[in-house]
Amino acid sequence: MNAQEVRTLLTDALVNLFEIEPERIKPETNLYKDLKIDSIDAIDHIKRETGRKLQAEDFCNVRTVEDVVQAVLKVQTQDPEPEAE
């Protein structure tokens, strides 16, 4: 999965799960301050969609939409195998 695919997945999650208008979702958008959501909520959705092992500690410094994208990409390179069902 590349950065654009992660962004699309995250945007879809924010729109569909949290009813956030797509135009409010930009790389610099702060998840908590601007969107009033916990980054863990967004991460949980990505975990379900990708089947990747995403641990909360991997995302302790995540604040913005782009932080989520970069954290997912980093985890992807560290853990190339999908999580077993």
N, C-alpha and C. Protein backbone atom coordinates (compact mmCIF):
# COMPACT_ATOMS: atom_id res chain seq x y z
N MET A 1 0.85 -1.17 0.00
CA MET A 1 0.00 0.00 0.00
C MET A 1 0.90 1.24 0.00
N ASN A 2 0.61 2.17 -0.89
CA ASN A 2 1.42 3.39 -0.95
C ASN A 2 0.73 4.53 -0.19
N ALA A 3 1.41 5.66 -0.13
CA ALA A 3 0.91 6.79 0.66
C ALA A 3 -0.46 7.26 0.18
N GLN A 4 -0.67 7.33 -1.12
CA GLN A 4 -1.96 7.79 -1.63
C GLN A 4 -3.07 6.82 -1.27
N GLU A 5 -2.80 5.53 -1.31
CA GLU A 5 -3.80 4.54 -0.92
C GLU A 5 -4.16 4.66 0.56
N VAL A 6 -3.16 4.90 1.39
CA VAL A 6 -3.42 5.08 2.83
C VAL A 6 -4.24 6.35 3.04
N ARG A 7 -3.89 7.43 2.34
CA ARG A 7 -4.66 8.68 2.46
C ARG A 7 -6.12 8.47 2.06
N THR A 8 -6.33 7.75 0.97
CA THR A 8 -7.69 7.48 0.50
C THR A 8 -8.46 6.65 1.52
N LEU A 9 -7.82 5.62 2.04
CA LEU A 9 -8.45 4.77 3.05
C LEU A 9 -8.81 5.58 4.29
N LEU A 10 -7.89 6.41 4.73
CA LEU A 10 -8.12 7.24 5.91
C LEU A 10 -9.23 8.26 5.66
N THR A 11 -9.19 8.90 4.51
CA THR A 11 -10.23 9.87 4.17
C THR A 11 -11.60 9.20 4.15
N ASP A 12 -11.68 8.04 3.51
CA ASP A 12 -12.95 7.30 3.47
C ASP A 12 -13.45 6.98 4.88
N ALA A 13 -12.53 6.57 5.75
CA ALA A 13 -12.90 6.26 7.12
C ALA A 13 -13.42 7.50 7.84
N LEU A 14 -12.72 8.61 7.69
CA LEU A 14 -13.13 9.83 8.37
C LEU A 14 -14.49 10.33 7.87
N VAL A 15 -14.72 10.19 6.58
CA VAL A 15 -16.00 10.62 6.00
C VAL A 15 -17.12 9.68 6.43
N ASN A 16 -16.91 8.39 6.27
CA ASN A 16 -17.98 7.42 6.51
C ASN A 16 -18.23 7.11 7.98
N LEU A 17 -17.19 6.99 8.76
CA LEU A 17 -17.36 6.62 10.16
C LEU A 17 -17.62 7.82 11.07
N PHE A 18 -17.02 8.95 10.73
CA PHE A 18 -17.11 10.11 11.61
C PHE A 18 -17.89 11.27 11.01
N GLU A 19 -18.42 11.06 9.79
CA GLU A 19 -19.24 12.06 9.11
C GLU A 19 -18.54 13.42 9.00
N ILE A 20 -17.27 13.36 8.62
CA ILE A 20 -16.47 14.57 8.44
C ILE A 20 -16.48 14.93 6.95
N GLU A 21 -16.67 16.20 6.66
CA GLU A 21 -16.69 16.65 5.27
C GLU A 21 -15.31 16.46 4.65
N PRO A 22 -15.24 15.88 3.45
CA PRO A 22 -13.94 15.60 2.81
C PRO A 22 -13.04 16.82 2.67
N GLU A 23 -13.63 17.99 2.45
CA GLU A 23 -12.81 19.20 2.27
C GLU A 23 -12.08 19.61 3.56
N ARG A 24 -12.50 19.09 4.71
CA ARG A 24 -11.82 19.39 5.98
C ARG A 24 -10.60 18.49 6.21
N ILE A 25 -10.45 17.46 5.38
CA ILE A 25 -9.38 16.48 5.57
C ILE A 25 -8.20 16.83 4.67
N LYS A 26 -7.19 17.39 5.30
CA LYS A 26 -5.96 17.79 4.62
C LYS A 26 -4.79 17.18 5.38
N PRO A 27 -3.61 17.08 4.76
CA PRO A 27 -2.46 16.49 5.46
C PRO A 27 -2.17 17.14 6.80
N GLU A 28 -2.33 18.44 6.90
CA GLU A 28 -1.99 19.16 8.13
C GLU A 28 -3.14 19.19 9.15
N THR A 29 -4.28 18.62 8.81
CA THR A 29 -5.43 18.62 9.71
C THR A 29 -5.12 17.84 10.98
N ASN A 30 -5.32 18.49 12.12
CA ASN A 30 -5.10 17.83 13.41
C ASN A 30 -6.34 17.02 13.75
N LEU A 31 -6.12 15.73 13.99
CA LEU A 31 -7.25 14.83 14.23
C LEU A 31 -8.10 15.26 15.43
N TYR A 32 -7.45 15.60 16.52
CA TYR A 32 -8.21 15.95 17.73
C TYR A 32 -8.69 17.40 17.71
N LYS A 33 -7.79 18.33 17.47
CA LYS A 33 -8.16 19.74 17.53
C LYS A 33 -9.12 20.16 16.43
N ASP A 34 -8.87 19.68 15.21
CA ASP A 34 -9.69 20.11 14.08
C ASP A 34 -10.91 19.23 13.83
N LEU A 35 -10.75 17.92 14.08
CA LEU A 35 -11.81 16.97 13.74
C LEU A 35 -12.51 16.37 14.95
N LYS A 36 -11.95 16.62 16.13
CA LYS A 36 -12.53 16.11 17.38
C LYS A 36 -12.62 14.58 17.43
N ILE A 37 -11.60 13.91 16.88
CA ILE A 37 -11.56 12.45 16.97
C ILE A 37 -10.22 12.01 17.53
N ASP A 38 -10.22 10.84 18.11
CA ASP A 38 -9.01 10.24 18.65
C ASP A 38 -8.31 9.51 17.51
N SER A 39 -7.00 9.68 17.39
CA SER A 39 -6.26 9.03 16.31
C SER A 39 -6.40 7.52 16.35
N ILE A 40 -6.59 6.95 17.53
CA ILE A 40 -6.73 5.50 17.67
C ILE A 40 -7.98 5.02 16.93
N ASP A 41 -9.04 5.82 16.93
CA ASP A 41 -10.25 5.44 16.20
C ASP A 41 -9.97 5.27 14.71
N ALA A 42 -9.23 6.21 14.15
CA ALA A 42 -8.88 6.14 12.73
C ALA A 42 -7.95 4.96 12.47
N ILE A 43 -7.01 4.75 13.36
CA ILE A 43 -6.05 3.64 13.22
C ILE A 43 -6.77 2.30 13.26
N ASP A 44 -7.73 2.15 14.15
CA ASP A 44 -8.47 0.89 14.25
C ASP A 44 -9.14 0.55 12.93
N HIS A 45 -9.69 1.54 12.27
CA HIS A 45 -10.34 1.29 10.98
C HIS A 45 -9.30 0.85 9.95
N ILE A 46 -8.18 1.51 9.90
CA ILE A 46 -7.14 1.14 8.95
C ILE A 46 -6.64 -0.27 9.22
N LYS A 47 -6.52 -0.62 10.48
CA LYS A 47 -6.09 -1.97 10.84
C LYS A 47 -7.07 -3.00 10.29
N ARG A 48 -8.35 -2.76 10.45
CA ARG A 48 -9.36 -3.70 9.93
C ARG A 48 -9.29 -3.78 8.41
N GLU A 49 -9.12 -2.66 7.75
CA GLU A 49 -9.11 -2.63 6.29
C GLU A 49 -7.86 -3.27 5.69
N THR A 50 -6.72 -3.09 6.34
CA THR A 50 -5.46 -3.58 5.76
C THR A 50 -5.04 -4.93 6.31
N GLY A 51 -5.56 -5.31 7.48
CA GLY A 51 -5.13 -6.56 8.09
C GLY A 51 -3.73 -6.46 8.69
N ARG A 52 -3.22 -5.26 8.84
CA ARG A 52 -1.87 -5.05 9.40
C ARG A 52 -1.91 -4.97 10.91
N LYS A 53 -0.80 -5.38 11.52
CA LYS A 53 -0.65 -5.24 12.96
C LYS A 53 -0.28 -3.79 13.25
N LEU A 54 -1.19 -3.08 13.83
CA LEU A 54 -0.94 -1.69 14.19
C LEU A 54 -1.13 -1.56 15.69
N GLN A 55 -0.07 -1.24 16.37
CA GLN A 55 -0.11 -1.13 17.82
C GLN A 55 -0.25 0.33 18.24
N ALA A 56 -0.94 0.57 19.32
CA ALA A 56 -1.16 1.94 19.79
C ALA A 56 0.15 2.68 20.01
N GLU A 57 1.17 1.99 20.51
CA GLU A 57 2.45 2.66 20.77
C GLU A 57 3.12 3.15 19.49
N ASP A 58 2.78 2.55 18.35
CA ASP A 58 3.33 3.02 17.07
C ASP A 58 2.76 4.37 16.68
N PHE A 59 1.69 4.77 17.34
CA PHE A 59 0.98 5.97 16.96
C PHE A 59 0.91 7.01 18.07
N CYS A 60 1.78 6.89 19.07
CA CYS A 60 1.71 7.80 20.21
C CYS A 60 2.00 9.25 19.82
N ASN A 61 2.73 9.49 18.75
CA ASN A 61 3.04 10.85 18.33
C ASN A 61 2.19 11.32 17.15
N VAL A 62 1.20 10.56 16.79
CA VAL A 62 0.34 10.91 15.67
C VAL A 62 -0.61 12.03 16.08
N ARG A 63 -0.60 13.09 15.31
CA ARG A 63 -1.48 14.22 15.59
C ARG A 63 -2.29 14.63 14.36
N THR A 64 -1.68 14.53 13.18
CA THR A 64 -2.32 15.01 11.95
C THR A 64 -2.67 13.86 11.02
N VAL A 65 -3.43 14.19 9.99
CA VAL A 65 -3.77 13.20 8.97
C VAL A 65 -2.48 12.63 8.36
N GLU A 66 -1.55 13.48 8.03
CA GLU A 66 -0.30 13.01 7.42
C GLU A 66 0.52 12.17 8.39
N ASP A 67 0.46 12.47 9.68
CA ASP A 67 1.13 11.64 10.68
C ASP A 67 0.60 10.21 10.63
N VAL A 68 -0.71 10.07 10.47
CA VAL A 68 -1.31 8.73 10.38
C VAL A 68 -0.76 8.01 9.16
N VAL A 69 -0.76 8.70 8.03
CA VAL A 69 -0.27 8.10 6.78
C VAL A 69 1.17 7.62 6.96
N GLN A 70 2.02 8.47 7.49
CA GLN A 70 3.42 8.11 7.65
C GLN A 70 3.62 6.98 8.65
N ALA A 71 2.84 6.97 9.71
CA ALA A 71 2.94 5.90 10.70
C ALA A 71 2.54 4.56 10.10
N VAL A 72 1.48 4.55 9.30
CA VAL A 72 1.04 3.32 8.65
C VAL A 72 2.11 2.83 7.68
N LEU A 73 2.68 3.73 6.92
CA LEU A 73 3.74 3.35 5.97
C LEU A 73 4.96 2.79 6.71
N LYS A 74 5.30 3.39 7.84
CA LYS A 74 6.44 2.92 8.62
C LYS A 74 6.18 1.51 9.16
N VAL A 75 4.99 1.29 9.70
CA VAL A 75 4.64 -0.04 10.21
C VAL A 75 4.66 -1.06 9.09
N GLN A 76 4.20 -0.66 7.93
CA GLN A 76 4.18 -1.54 6.77
C GLN A 76 5.58 -2.04 6.42
N THR A 77 6.57 -1.16 6.51
CA THR A 77 7.93 -1.57 6.17
C THR A 77 8.54 -2.43 7.27
N GLN A 78 8.08 -2.26 8.50
CA GLN A 78 8.59 -3.06 9.62
C GLN A 78 7.93 -4.42 9.68
N ASP A 79 6.69 -4.49 9.26
CA ASP A 79 5.89 -5.71 9.38
C ASP A 79 5.25 -6.01 8.03
N PRO A 80 5.98 -6.65 7.12
CA PRO A 80 5.46 -6.85 5.78
C PRO A 80 4.35 -7.91 5.68
N GLU A 81 4.15 -8.70 6.72
CA GLU A 81 3.13 -9.74 6.68
C GLU A 81 1.82 -9.25 7.27
N PRO A 82 0.70 -9.54 6.59
CA PRO A 82 -0.61 -9.18 7.17
C PRO A 82 -0.87 -9.97 8.45
N GLU A 83 -1.69 -9.40 9.29
CA GLU A 83 -2.08 -10.05 10.54
C GLU A 83 -2.97 -11.24 10.23
N ALA A 84 -2.77 -12.35 10.93
CA ALA A 84 -3.58 -13.54 10.73
C ALA A 84 -4.97 -13.30 11.26
N GLU A 85 -5.96 -13.83 10.58
CA GLU A 85 -7.35 -13.69 11.00
C GLU A 85 -7.64 -14.67 12.12
